[in-house]
């Protein structure tokens, strides 16, 4: 869906794979699930914030947990935004529009 509306998308199936990728590639936005099998999203975002190529990227948490304490934990961990699953597509696109530069600014 994100590709269909013009976003370039890269997917990794593990936290460790994502950490390896950001050693050689930078991204404007990282969408991260909180409940990951090998490292939770809070730990992952902390590690990503230390990677020079993505340290300043917008980090969006995707989680089934949406209580105020969950949102606060995401913010403390280093997330820019916290969206609750199932994610409303319109809301996700609106957040991405706010956080990413227009295509003309990238060229």
PDB file of N, CA and C in Angstrom:
ATOM      1  N   UNK A   1       0.817  -1.177   0.000  1.00  0.00           N
ATOM      2  CA  UNK A   1       0.000   0.000   0.000  1.00  0.00           C
ATOM      3  C   UNK A   1       0.873   1.258   0.000  1.00  0.00           C
ATOM      4  N   UNK A   2       1.906   1.272   0.804  1.00  0.00           N
ATOM      5  CA  UNK A   2       2.767   2.456   0.838  1.00  0.00           C
ATOM      6  C   UNK A   2       3.483   2.669  -0.495  1.00  0.00           C
ATOM      7  N   UNK A   3       3.913   1.599  -1.126  1.00  0.00           N
ATOM      8  CA  UNK A   3       4.538   1.713  -2.448  1.00  0.00           C
ATOM      9  C   UNK A   3       3.555   2.254  -3.474  1.00  0.00           C
ATOM     10  N   UNK A   4       2.311   1.825  -3.378  1.00  0.00           N
ATOM     11  CA  UNK A   4       1.288   2.244  -4.340  1.00  0.00           C
ATOM     12  C   UNK A   4       1.036   3.745  -4.300  1.00  0.00           C
ATOM     13  N   UNK A   5       1.285   4.379  -3.168  1.00  0.00           N
ATOM     14  CA  UNK A   5       1.070   5.827  -3.072  1.00  0.00           C
ATOM     15  C   UNK A   5       2.378   6.613  -3.189  1.00  0.00           C
ATOM     16  N   UNK A   6       3.447   5.943  -3.627  1.00  0.00           N
ATOM     17  CA  UNK A   6       4.672   6.655  -3.957  1.00  0.00           C
ATOM     18  C   UNK A   6       5.818   6.570  -2.965  1.00  0.00           C
ATOM     19  N   UNK A   7       5.647   5.833  -1.886  1.00  0.00           N
ATOM     20  CA  UNK A   7       6.746   5.681  -0.925  1.00  0.00           C
ATOM     21  C   UNK A   7       7.660   4.538  -1.352  1.00  0.00           C
ATOM     22  N   UNK A   8       8.942   4.705  -1.123  1.00  0.00           N
ATOM     23  CA  UNK A   8       9.894   3.628  -1.333  1.00  0.00           C
ATOM     24  C   UNK A   8       9.924   2.823  -0.044  1.00  0.00           C
ATOM     25  N   UNK A   9       9.727   1.521  -0.153  1.00  0.00           N
ATOM     26  CA  UNK A   9       9.591   0.673   1.026  1.00  0.00           C
ATOM     27  C   UNK A   9      10.641  -0.432   1.011  1.00  0.00           C
ATOM     28  N   UNK A  10      11.274  -0.633   2.143  1.00  0.00           N
ATOM     29  CA  UNK A  10      12.193  -1.741   2.366  1.00  0.00           C
ATOM     30  C   UNK A  10      11.680  -2.481   3.595  1.00  0.00           C
ATOM     31  N   UNK A  11      11.682  -3.792   3.566  1.00  0.00           N
ATOM     32  CA  UNK A  11      11.158  -4.587   4.676  1.00  0.00           C
ATOM     33  C   UNK A  11      12.237  -5.526   5.190  1.00  0.00           C
ATOM     34  N   UNK A  12      12.346  -5.598   6.498  1.00  0.00           N
ATOM     35  CA  UNK A  12      13.229  -6.575   7.137  1.00  0.00           C
ATOM     36  C   UNK A  12      12.374  -7.433   8.051  1.00  0.00           C
ATOM     37  N   UNK A  13      12.732  -8.704   8.190  1.00  0.00           N
ATOM     38  CA  UNK A  13      11.913  -9.611   8.977  1.00  0.00           C
ATOM     39  C   UNK A  13      12.449  -9.862  10.376  1.00  0.00           C
ATOM     40  N   UNK A  14      13.505  -9.133  10.753  1.00  0.00           N
ATOM     41  CA  UNK A  14      14.020  -9.260  12.117  1.00  0.00           C
ATOM     42  C   UNK A  14      14.717  -7.966  12.522  1.00  0.00           C
ATOM     43  N   UNK A  15      14.827  -7.781  13.810  1.00  0.00           N
ATOM     44  CA  UNK A  15      15.518  -6.599  14.328  1.00  0.00           C
ATOM     45  C   UNK A  15      16.980  -6.584  13.904  1.00  0.00           C
ATOM     46  N   UNK A  16      17.615  -7.737  13.986  1.00  0.00           N
ATOM     47  CA  UNK A  16      19.036  -7.811  13.632  1.00  0.00           C
ATOM     48  C   UNK A  16      19.254  -7.494  12.153  1.00  0.00           C
ATOM     49  N   UNK A  17      18.348  -7.943  11.295  1.00  0.00           N
ATOM     50  CA  UNK A  17      18.457  -7.624   9.863  1.00  0.00           C
ATOM     51  C   UNK A  17      18.294  -6.123   9.644  1.00  0.00           C
ATOM     52  N   UNK A  18      17.389  -5.508  10.365  1.00  0.00           N
ATOM     53  CA  UNK A  18      17.196  -4.059  10.251  1.00  0.00           C
ATOM     54  C   UNK A  18      18.450  -3.319  10.704  1.00  0.00           C
ATOM     55  N   UNK A  19      19.034  -3.765  11.800  1.00  0.00           N
ATOM     56  CA  UNK A  19      20.263  -3.125  12.288  1.00  0.00           C
ATOM     57  C   UNK A  19      21.418  -3.279  11.304  1.00  0.00           C
ATOM     58  N   UNK A  20      21.502  -4.416  10.644  1.00  0.00           N
ATOM     59  CA  UNK A  20      22.541  -4.599   9.613  1.00  0.00           C
ATOM     60  C   UNK A  20      22.285  -3.653   8.438  1.00  0.00           C
ATOM     61  N   UNK A  21      21.033  -3.536   8.009  1.00  0.00           N
ATOM     62  CA  UNK A  21      20.710  -2.697   6.844  1.00  0.00           C
ATOM     63  C   UNK A  21      21.063  -1.239   7.088  1.00  0.00           C
ATOM     64  N   UNK A  22      20.792  -0.723   8.274  1.00  0.00           N
ATOM     65  CA  UNK A  22      21.031   0.703   8.512  1.00  0.00           C
ATOM     66  C   UNK A  22      22.511   1.045   8.663  1.00  0.00           C
ATOM     67  N   UNK A  23      23.363   0.041   8.610  1.00  0.00           N
ATOM     68  CA  UNK A  23      24.796   0.316   8.592  1.00  0.00           C
ATOM     69  C   UNK A  23      25.234   0.820   7.218  1.00  0.00           C
ATOM     70  N   UNK A  24      24.425   0.526   6.176  1.00  0.00           N
ATOM     71  CA  UNK A  24      24.796   0.916   4.815  1.00  0.00           C
ATOM     72  C   UNK A  24      23.730   1.746   4.097  1.00  0.00           C
ATOM     73  N   UNK A  25      22.529   1.820   4.660  1.00  0.00           N
ATOM     74  CA  UNK A  25      21.438   2.565   4.023  1.00  0.00           C
ATOM     75  C   UNK A  25      20.751   3.473   5.031  1.00  0.00           C
ATOM     76  N   UNK A  26      20.366   4.667   4.566  1.00  0.00           N
ATOM     77  CA  UNK A  26      19.626   5.592   5.409  1.00  0.00           C
ATOM     78  C   UNK A  26      18.162   5.639   5.012  1.00  0.00           C
ATOM     79  N   UNK A  27      17.326   6.027   5.955  1.00  0.00           N
ATOM     80  CA  UNK A  27      15.885   6.111   5.716  1.00  0.00           C
ATOM     81  C   UNK A  27      15.334   7.353   6.408  1.00  0.00           C
ATOM     82  N   UNK A  28      14.269   7.920   5.846  1.00  0.00           N
ATOM     83  CA  UNK A  28      13.597   9.066   6.455  1.00  0.00           C
ATOM     84  C   UNK A  28      12.680   8.626   7.585  1.00  0.00           C
ATOM     85  N   UNK A  29      12.073   7.442   7.430  1.00  0.00           N
ATOM     86  CA  UNK A  29      11.095   6.933   8.388  1.00  0.00           C
ATOM     87  C   UNK A  29      11.326   5.445   8.596  1.00  0.00           C
ATOM     88  N   UNK A  30      11.180   5.002   9.837  1.00  0.00           N
ATOM     89  CA  UNK A  30      11.202   3.574  10.153  1.00  0.00           C
ATOM     90  C   UNK A  30       9.904   3.236  10.873  1.00  0.00           C
ATOM     91  N   UNK A  31       9.167   2.269  10.348  1.00  0.00           N
ATOM     92  CA  UNK A  31       7.959   1.760  10.995  1.00  0.00           C
ATOM     93  C   UNK A  31       8.357   0.498  11.739  1.00  0.00           C
ATOM     94  N   UNK A  32       8.156   0.494  13.048  1.00  0.00           N
ATOM     95  CA  UNK A  32       8.618  -0.623  13.867  1.00  0.00           C
ATOM     96  C   UNK A  32       7.494  -1.178  14.722  1.00  0.00           C
ATOM     97  N   UNK A  33       7.338  -2.475  14.687  1.00  0.00           N
ATOM     98  CA  UNK A  33       6.418  -3.135  15.601  1.00  0.00           C
ATOM     99  C   UNK A  33       7.074  -3.148  16.975  1.00  0.00           C
ATOM    100  N   UNK A  34       6.281  -3.064  18.018  1.00  0.00           N
ATOM    101  CA  UNK A  34       6.829  -3.128  19.373  1.00  0.00           C
ATOM    102  C   UNK A  34       7.097  -4.574  19.771  1.00  0.00           C
ATOM    103  N   UNK A  35       6.168  -5.469  19.455  1.00  0.00           N
ATOM    104  CA  UNK A  35       6.289  -6.859  19.879  1.00  0.00           C
ATOM    105  C   UNK A  35       7.036  -7.698  18.872  1.00  0.00           C
ATOM    106  N   UNK A  36       8.344  -7.589  18.858  1.00  0.00           N
ATOM    107  CA  UNK A  36       9.178  -8.349  17.937  1.00  0.00           C
ATOM    108  C   UNK A  36       9.767  -9.559  18.652  1.00  0.00           C
ATOM    109  N   UNK A  37      10.028 -10.642  17.924  1.00  0.00           N
ATOM    110  CA  UNK A  37      10.510 -11.855  18.578  1.00  0.00           C
ATOM    111  C   UNK A  37      11.954 -11.796  19.078  1.00  0.00           C
ATOM    112  N   UNK A  38      12.837 -11.118  18.361  1.00  0.00           N
ATOM    113  CA  UNK A  38      14.246 -11.168  18.735  1.00  0.00           C
ATOM    114  C   UNK A  38      14.717 -10.002  19.597  1.00  0.00           C
ATOM    115  N   UNK A  39      13.974  -8.906  19.582  1.00  0.00           N
ATOM    116  CA  UNK A  39      14.308  -7.716  20.358  1.00  0.00           C
ATOM    117  C   UNK A  39      13.067  -6.843  20.305  1.00  0.00           C
ATOM    118  N   UNK A  40      12.586  -6.346  21.423  1.00  0.00           N
ATOM    119  CA  UNK A  40      11.353  -5.561  21.313  1.00  0.00           C
ATOM    120  C   UNK A  40      11.622  -4.219  20.640  1.00  0.00           C
ATOM    121  N   UNK A  41      10.566  -3.614  20.159  1.00  0.00           N
ATOM    122  CA  UNK A  41      10.686  -2.363  19.417  1.00  0.00           C
ATOM    123  C   UNK A  41      11.318  -1.238  20.203  1.00  0.00           C
ATOM    124  N   UNK A  42      11.121  -1.233  21.521  1.00  0.00           N
ATOM    125  CA  UNK A  42      11.740  -0.204  22.351  1.00  0.00           C
ATOM    126  C   UNK A  42      13.262  -0.352  22.353  1.00  0.00           C
ATOM    127  N   UNK A  43      13.740  -1.562  22.423  1.00  0.00           N
ATOM    128  CA  UNK A  43      15.190  -1.794  22.357  1.00  0.00           C
ATOM    129  C   UNK A  43      15.718  -1.457  20.962  1.00  0.00           C
ATOM    130  N   UNK A  44      14.957  -1.863  19.947  1.00  0.00           N
ATOM    131  CA  UNK A  44      15.387  -1.625  18.565  1.00  0.00           C
ATOM    132  C   UNK A  44      15.485  -0.141  18.259  1.00  0.00           C
ATOM    133  N   UNK A  45      14.501   0.643  18.660  1.00  0.00           N
ATOM    134  CA  UNK A  45      14.556   2.072  18.348  1.00  0.00           C
ATOM    135  C   UNK A  45      15.765   2.721  19.014  1.00  0.00           C
ATOM    136  N   UNK A  46      16.111   2.279  20.211  1.00  0.00           N
ATOM    137  CA  UNK A  46      17.301   2.804  20.870  1.00  0.00           C
ATOM    138  C   UNK A  46      18.565   2.505  20.085  1.00  0.00           C
ATOM    139  N   UNK A  47      18.647   1.301  19.563  1.00  0.00           N
ATOM    140  CA  UNK A  47      19.811   0.913  18.765  1.00  0.00           C
ATOM    141  C   UNK A  47      19.830   1.674  17.432  1.00  0.00           C
ATOM    142  N   UNK A  48      18.650   1.853  16.830  1.00  0.00           N
ATOM    143  CA  UNK A  48      18.580   2.596  15.565  1.00  0.00           C
ATOM    144  C   UNK A  48      18.987   4.053  15.772  1.00  0.00           C
ATOM    145  N   UNK A  49      18.629   4.637  16.887  1.00  0.00           N
ATOM    146  CA  UNK A  49      18.991   6.037  17.168  1.00  0.00           C
ATOM    147  C   UNK A  49      20.507   6.206  17.278  1.00  0.00           C
ATOM    148  N   UNK A  50      21.236   5.132  17.504  1.00  0.00           N
ATOM    149  CA  UNK A  50      22.697   5.189  17.570  1.00  0.00           C
ATOM    150  C   UNK A  50      23.348   4.964  16.203  1.00  0.00           C
ATOM    151  N   UNK A  51      22.565   4.569  15.200  1.00  0.00           N
ATOM    152  CA  UNK A  51      23.098   4.313  13.852  1.00  0.00           C
ATOM    153  C   UNK A  51      23.105   5.627  13.067  1.00  0.00           C
ATOM    154  N   UNK A  52      24.268   6.117  12.681  1.00  0.00           N
ATOM    155  CA  UNK A  52      24.359   7.434  12.040  1.00  0.00           C
ATOM    156  C   UNK A  52      23.419   7.655  10.846  1.00  0.00           C
ATOM    157  N   UNK A  53      23.184   6.643  10.020  1.00  0.00           N
ATOM    158  CA  UNK A  53      22.377   6.838   8.814  1.00  0.00           C
ATOM    159  C   UNK A  53      20.879   6.976   9.092  1.00  0.00           C
ATOM    160  N   UNK A  54      20.426   6.598  10.278  1.00  0.00           N
ATOM    161  CA  UNK A  54      19.002   6.729  10.615  1.00  0.00           C
ATOM    162  C   UNK A  54      18.770   7.430  11.949  1.00  0.00           C
ATOM    163  N   UNK A  55      19.813   7.932  12.571  1.00  0.00           N
ATOM    164  CA  UNK A  55      19.677   8.549  13.896  1.00  0.00           C
ATOM    165  C   UNK A  55      18.624   9.648  13.918  1.00  0.00           C
ATOM    166  N   UNK A  56      18.493  10.395  12.834  1.00  0.00           N
ATOM    167  CA  UNK A  56      17.525  11.491  12.773  1.00  0.00           C
ATOM    168  C   UNK A  56      16.221  11.134  12.085  1.00  0.00           C
ATOM    169  N   UNK A  57      16.048   9.878  11.736  1.00  0.00           N
ATOM    170  CA  UNK A  57      14.822   9.455  11.042  1.00  0.00           C
ATOM    171  C   UNK A  57      13.623   9.509  11.987  1.00  0.00           C
ATOM    172  N   UNK A  58      12.459   9.681  11.399  1.00  0.00           N
ATOM    173  CA  UNK A  58      11.222   9.567  12.169  1.00  0.00           C
ATOM    174  C   UNK A  58      11.005   8.089  12.465  1.00  0.00           C
ATOM    175  N   UNK A  59      10.772   7.772  13.715  1.00  0.00           N
ATOM    176  CA  UNK A  59      10.545   6.390  14.139  1.00  0.00           C
ATOM    177  C   UNK A  59       9.087   6.268  14.582  1.00  0.00           C
ATOM    178  N   UNK A  60       8.340   5.420  13.890  1.00  0.00           N
ATOM    179  CA  UNK A  60       6.923   5.246  14.189  1.00  0.00           C
ATOM    180  C   UNK A  60       6.703   3.868  14.778  1.00  0.00           C
ATOM    181  N   UNK A  61       6.166   3.842  15.997  1.00  0.00           N
ATOM    182  CA  UNK A  61       5.835   2.582  16.660  1.00  0.00           C
ATOM    183  C   UNK A  61       4.485   2.095  16.162  1.00  0.00           C
ATOM    184  N   UNK A  62       4.399   0.807  15.870  1.00  0.00           N
ATOM    185  CA  UNK A  62       3.130   0.158  15.534  1.00  0.00           C
ATOM    186  C   UNK A  62       2.893  -0.873  16.624  1.00  0.00           C
ATOM    187  N   UNK A  63       1.774  -0.745  17.321  1.00  0.00           N
ATOM    188  CA  UNK A  63       1.565  -1.609  18.474  1.00  0.00           C
ATOM    189  C   UNK A  63       0.098  -1.899  18.698  1.00  0.00           C
ATOM    190  N   UNK A  64      -0.160  -3.059  19.242  1.00  0.00           N
ATOM    191  CA  UNK A  64      -1.507  -3.390  19.678  1.00  0.00           C
ATOM    192  C   UNK A  64      -1.829  -2.746  21.013  1.00  0.00           C
ATOM    193  N   UNK A  65      -0.825  -2.184  21.659  1.00  0.00           N
ATOM    194  CA  UNK A  65      -0.998  -1.532  22.954  1.00  0.00           C
ATOM    195  C   UNK A  65      -1.159  -0.034  22.743  1.00  0.00           C
ATOM    196  N   UNK A  66      -2.267   0.515  23.250  1.00  0.00           N
ATOM    197  CA  UNK A  66      -2.552   1.925  23.013  1.00  0.00           C
ATOM    198  C   UNK A  66      -2.952   2.710  24.238  1.00  0.00           C
ATOM    199  N   UNK A  67      -2.638   2.184  25.417  1.00  0.00           N
ATOM    200  CA  UNK A  67      -2.946   2.909  26.654  1.00  0.00           C
ATOM    201  C   UNK A  67      -1.947   4.061  26.829  1.00  0.00           C
ATOM    202  N   UNK A  68      -2.310   5.065  27.627  1.00  0.00           N
ATOM    203  CA  UNK A  68      -1.395   6.198  27.831  1.00  0.00           C
ATOM    204  C   UNK A  68       0.009   5.775  28.270  1.00  0.00           C
ATOM    205  N   UNK A  69       0.107   4.753  29.123  1.00  0.00           N
ATOM    206  CA  UNK A  69       1.436   4.313  29.567  1.00  0.00           C
ATOM    207  C   UNK A  69       2.231   3.685  28.417  1.00  0.00           C
ATOM    208  N   UNK A  70       1.526   3.061  27.459  1.00  0.00           N
ATOM    209  CA  UNK A  70       2.204   2.486  26.293  1.00  0.00           C
ATOM    210  C   UNK A  70       2.761   3.589  25.403  1.00  0.00           C
ATOM    211  N   UNK A  71       1.972   4.635  25.219  1.00  0.00           N
ATOM    212  CA  UNK A  71       2.411   5.777  24.402  1.00  0.00           C
ATOM    213  C   UNK A  71       3.596   6.472  25.073  1.00  0.00           C
ATOM    214  N   UNK A  72       3.527   6.618  26.395  1.00  0.00           N
ATOM    215  CA  UNK A  72       4.626   7.254  27.131  1.00  0.00           C
ATOM    216  C   UNK A  72       5.901   6.416  27.033  1.00  0.00           C
ATOM    217  N   UNK A  73       5.773   5.097  27.114  1.00  0.00           N
ATOM    218  CA  UNK A  73       6.941   4.218  27.000  1.00  0.00           C
ATOM    219  C   UNK A  73       7.580   4.338  25.622  1.00  0.00           C
ATOM    220  N   UNK A  74       6.763   4.448  24.588  1.00  0.00           N
ATOM    221  CA  UNK A  74       7.294   4.621  23.237  1.00  0.00           C
ATOM    222  C   UNK A  74       8.061   5.929  23.110  1.00  0.00           C
ATOM    223  N   UNK A  75       7.498   6.976  23.659  1.00  0.00           N
ATOM    224  CA  UNK A  75       8.162   8.280  23.593  1.00  0.00           C
ATOM    225  C   UNK A  75       9.500   8.231  24.330  1.00  0.00           C
ATOM    226  N   UNK A  76       9.516   7.639  25.534  1.00  0.00           N
ATOM    227  CA  UNK A  76      10.765   7.511  26.296  1.00  0.00           C
ATOM    228  C   UNK A  76      11.810   6.694  25.535  1.00  0.00           C
ATOM    229  N   UNK A  77      11.356   5.694  24.793  1.00  0.00           N
ATOM    230  CA  UNK A  77      12.273   4.824  24.053  1.00  0.00           C
ATOM    231  C   UNK A  77      12.898   5.529  22.852  1.00  0.00           C
ATOM    232  N   UNK A  78      12.252   6.603  22.358  1.00  0.00           N
ATOM    233  CA  UNK A  78      12.808   7.337  21.217  1.00  0.00           C
ATOM    234  C   UNK A  78      11.937   7.379  19.979  1.00  0.00           C
ATOM    235  N   UNK A  79      10.691   6.908  20.105  1.00  0.00           N
ATOM    236  CA  UNK A  79       9.791   6.965  18.957  1.00  0.00           C
ATOM    237  C   UNK A  79       9.275   8.376  18.740  1.00  0.00           C
ATOM    238  N   UNK A  80       9.070   8.707  17.472  1.00  0.00           N
ATOM    239  CA  UNK A  80       8.507   9.994  17.087  1.00  0.00           C
ATOM    240  C   UNK A  80       6.993   9.975  17.235  1.00  0.00           C
ATOM    241  N   UNK A  81       6.379   8.872  16.848  1.00  0.00           N
ATOM    242  CA  UNK A  81       4.925   8.676  16.911  1.00  0.00           C
ATOM    243  C   UNK A  81       4.628   7.250  17.327  1.00  0.00           C
ATOM    244  N   UNK A  82       3.395   7.052  17.821  1.00  0.00           N
ATOM    245  CA  UNK A  82       2.920   5.720  18.231  1.00  0.00           C
ATOM    246  C   UNK A  82       1.536   5.529  17.629  1.00  0.00           C
ATOM    247  N   UNK A  83       1.400   4.544  16.763  1.00  0.00           N
ATOM    248  CA  UNK A  83       0.108   4.231  16.146  1.00  0.00           C
ATOM    249  C   UNK A  83      -0.348   2.862  16.630  1.00  0.00           C
ATOM    250  N   UNK A  84      -1.637   2.768  16.911  1.00  0.00           N
ATOM    251  CA  UNK A  84      -2.201   1.530  17.443  1.00  0.00           C
ATOM    252  C   UNK A  84      -2.743   0.676  16.305  1.00  0.00           C
ATOM    253  N   UNK A  85      -2.412  -0.630  16.363  1.00  0.00           N
ATOM    254  CA  UNK A  85      -2.914  -1.587  15.373  1.00  0.00           C
ATOM    255  C   UNK A  85      -4.320  -2.024  15.752  1.00  0.00           C
ATOM    256  N   UNK A  86      -5.157  -2.332  14.794  1.00  0.00           N
ATOM    257  CA  UNK A  86      -4.867  -2.186  13.371  1.00  0.00           C
ATOM    258  C   UNK A  86      -4.782  -0.708  12.998  1.00  0.00           C
ATOM    259  N   UNK A  87      -3.745  -0.378  12.260  1.00  0.00           N
ATOM    260  CA  UNK A  87      -3.471   1.017  11.908  1.00  0.00           C
ATOM    261  C   UNK A  87      -4.464   1.502  10.870  1.00  0.00           C
ATOM    262  N   UNK A  88      -5.028   2.666  11.135  1.00  0.00           N
ATOM    263  CA  UNK A  88      -5.897   3.338  10.176  1.00  0.00           C
ATOM    264  C   UNK A  88      -5.007   3.850   9.040  1.00  0.00           C
ATOM    265  N   UNK A  89      -5.236   3.383   7.826  1.00  0.00           N
ATOM    266  CA  UNK A  89      -4.388   3.725   6.684  1.00  0.00           C
ATOM    267  C   UNK A  89      -4.358   5.231   6.448  1.00  0.00           C
ATOM    268  N   UNK A  90      -5.493   5.875   6.533  1.00  0.00           N
ATOM    269  CA  UNK A  90      -5.537   7.324   6.340  1.00  0.00           C
ATOM    270  C   UNK A  90      -4.684   8.060   7.361  1.00  0.00           C
ATOM    271  N   UNK A  91      -4.730   7.607   8.598  1.00  0.00           N
ATOM    272  CA  UNK A  91      -3.924   8.229   9.653  1.00  0.00           C
ATOM    273  C   UNK A  91      -2.436   7.999   9.404  1.00  0.00           C
ATOM    274  N   UNK A  92      -2.068   6.778   9.015  1.00  0.00           N
ATOM    275  CA  UNK A  92      -0.671   6.490   8.713  1.00  0.00           C
ATOM    276  C   UNK A  92      -0.172   7.373   7.575  1.00  0.00           C
ATOM    277  N   UNK A  93      -0.950   7.489   6.509  1.00  0.00           N
ATOM    278  CA  UNK A  93      -0.534   8.325   5.378  1.00  0.00           C
ATOM    279  C   UNK A  93      -0.410   9.785   5.790  1.00  0.00           C
ATOM    280  N   UNK A  94      -1.321  10.262   6.628  1.00  0.00           N
ATOM    281  CA  UNK A  94      -1.252  11.642   7.110  1.00  0.00           C
ATOM    282  C   UNK A  94       0.015  11.863   7.935  1.00  0.00           C
ATOM    283  N   UNK A  95       0.348  10.919   8.796  1.00  0.00           N
ATOM    284  CA  UNK A  95       1.567  11.018   9.605  1.00  0.00           C
ATOM    285  C   UNK A  95       2.789  11.023   8.696  1.00  0.00           C
ATOM    286  N   UNK A  96       2.824  10.138   7.713  1.00  0.00           N
ATOM    287  CA  UNK A  96       3.962  10.105   6.784  1.00  0.00           C
ATOM    288  C   UNK A  96       4.080  11.411   6.015  1.00  0.00           C
ATOM    289  N   UNK A  97       2.959  11.989   5.607  1.00  0.00           N
ATOM    290  CA  UNK A  97       2.994  13.276   4.909  1.00  0.00           C
ATOM    291  C   UNK A  97       3.587  14.369   5.798  1.00  0.00           C
ATOM    292  N   UNK A  98       3.277  14.317   7.095  1.00  0.00           N
ATOM    293  CA  UNK A  98       3.811  15.312   8.031  1.00  0.00           C
ATOM    294  C   UNK A  98       5.307  15.129   8.267  1.00  0.00           C
ATOM    295  N   UNK A  99       5.759  13.888   8.252  1.00  0.00           N
ATOM    296  CA  UNK A  99       7.129  13.588   8.661  1.00  0.00           C
ATOM    297  C   UNK A  99       8.142  13.488   7.538  1.00  0.00           C
ATOM    298  N   UNK A 100       7.684  13.394   6.300  1.00  0.00           N
ATOM    299  CA  UNK A 100       8.623  13.216   5.195  1.00  0.00           C
ATOM    300  C   UNK A 100       8.633  14.444   4.298  1.00  0.00           C
ATOM    301  N   UNK A 101       9.797  14.751   3.734  1.00  0.00           N
ATOM    302  CA  UNK A 101       9.875  15.914   2.841  1.00  0.00           C
ATOM    303  C   UNK A 101       9.145  15.636   1.534  1.00  0.00           C
ATOM    304  N   UNK A 102       8.593  16.694   0.913  1.00  0.00           N
ATOM    305  CA  UNK A 102       7.946  16.503  -0.394  1.00  0.00           C
ATOM    306  C   UNK A 102       8.960  15.981  -1.417  1.00  0.00           C
ATOM    307  N   UNK A 103       8.471  15.271  -2.414  1.00  0.00           N
ATOM    308  CA  UNK A 103       9.342  14.680  -3.439  1.00  0.00           C
ATOM    309  C   UNK A 103      10.236  15.713  -4.103  1.00  0.00           C
ATOM    310  N   UNK A 104       9.739  16.916  -4.320  1.00  0.00           N
ATOM    311  CA  UNK A 104      10.544  17.956  -4.970  1.00  0.00           C
ATOM    312  C   UNK A 104      11.736  18.366  -4.107  1.00  0.00           C
ATOM    313  N   UNK A 105      11.623  18.237  -2.783  1.00  0.00           N
ATOM    314  CA  UNK A 105      12.728  18.588  -1.907  1.00  0.00           C
ATOM    315  C   UNK A 105      13.813  17.518  -1.913  1.00  0.00           C
ATOM    316  N   UNK A 106      13.455  16.298  -2.336  1.00  0.00           N
ATOM    317  CA  UNK A 106      14.413  15.204  -2.366  1.00  0.00           C
ATOM    318  C   UNK A 106      15.263  15.252  -3.626  1.00  0.00           C
ATOM    319  N   UNK A 107      14.704  15.714  -4.721  1.00  0.00           N
ATOM    320  CA  UNK A 107      15.410  15.717  -6.013  1.00  0.00           C
ATOM    321  C   UNK A 107      16.635  16.599  -6.021  1.00  0.00           C
TER     322      UNK A 107
END
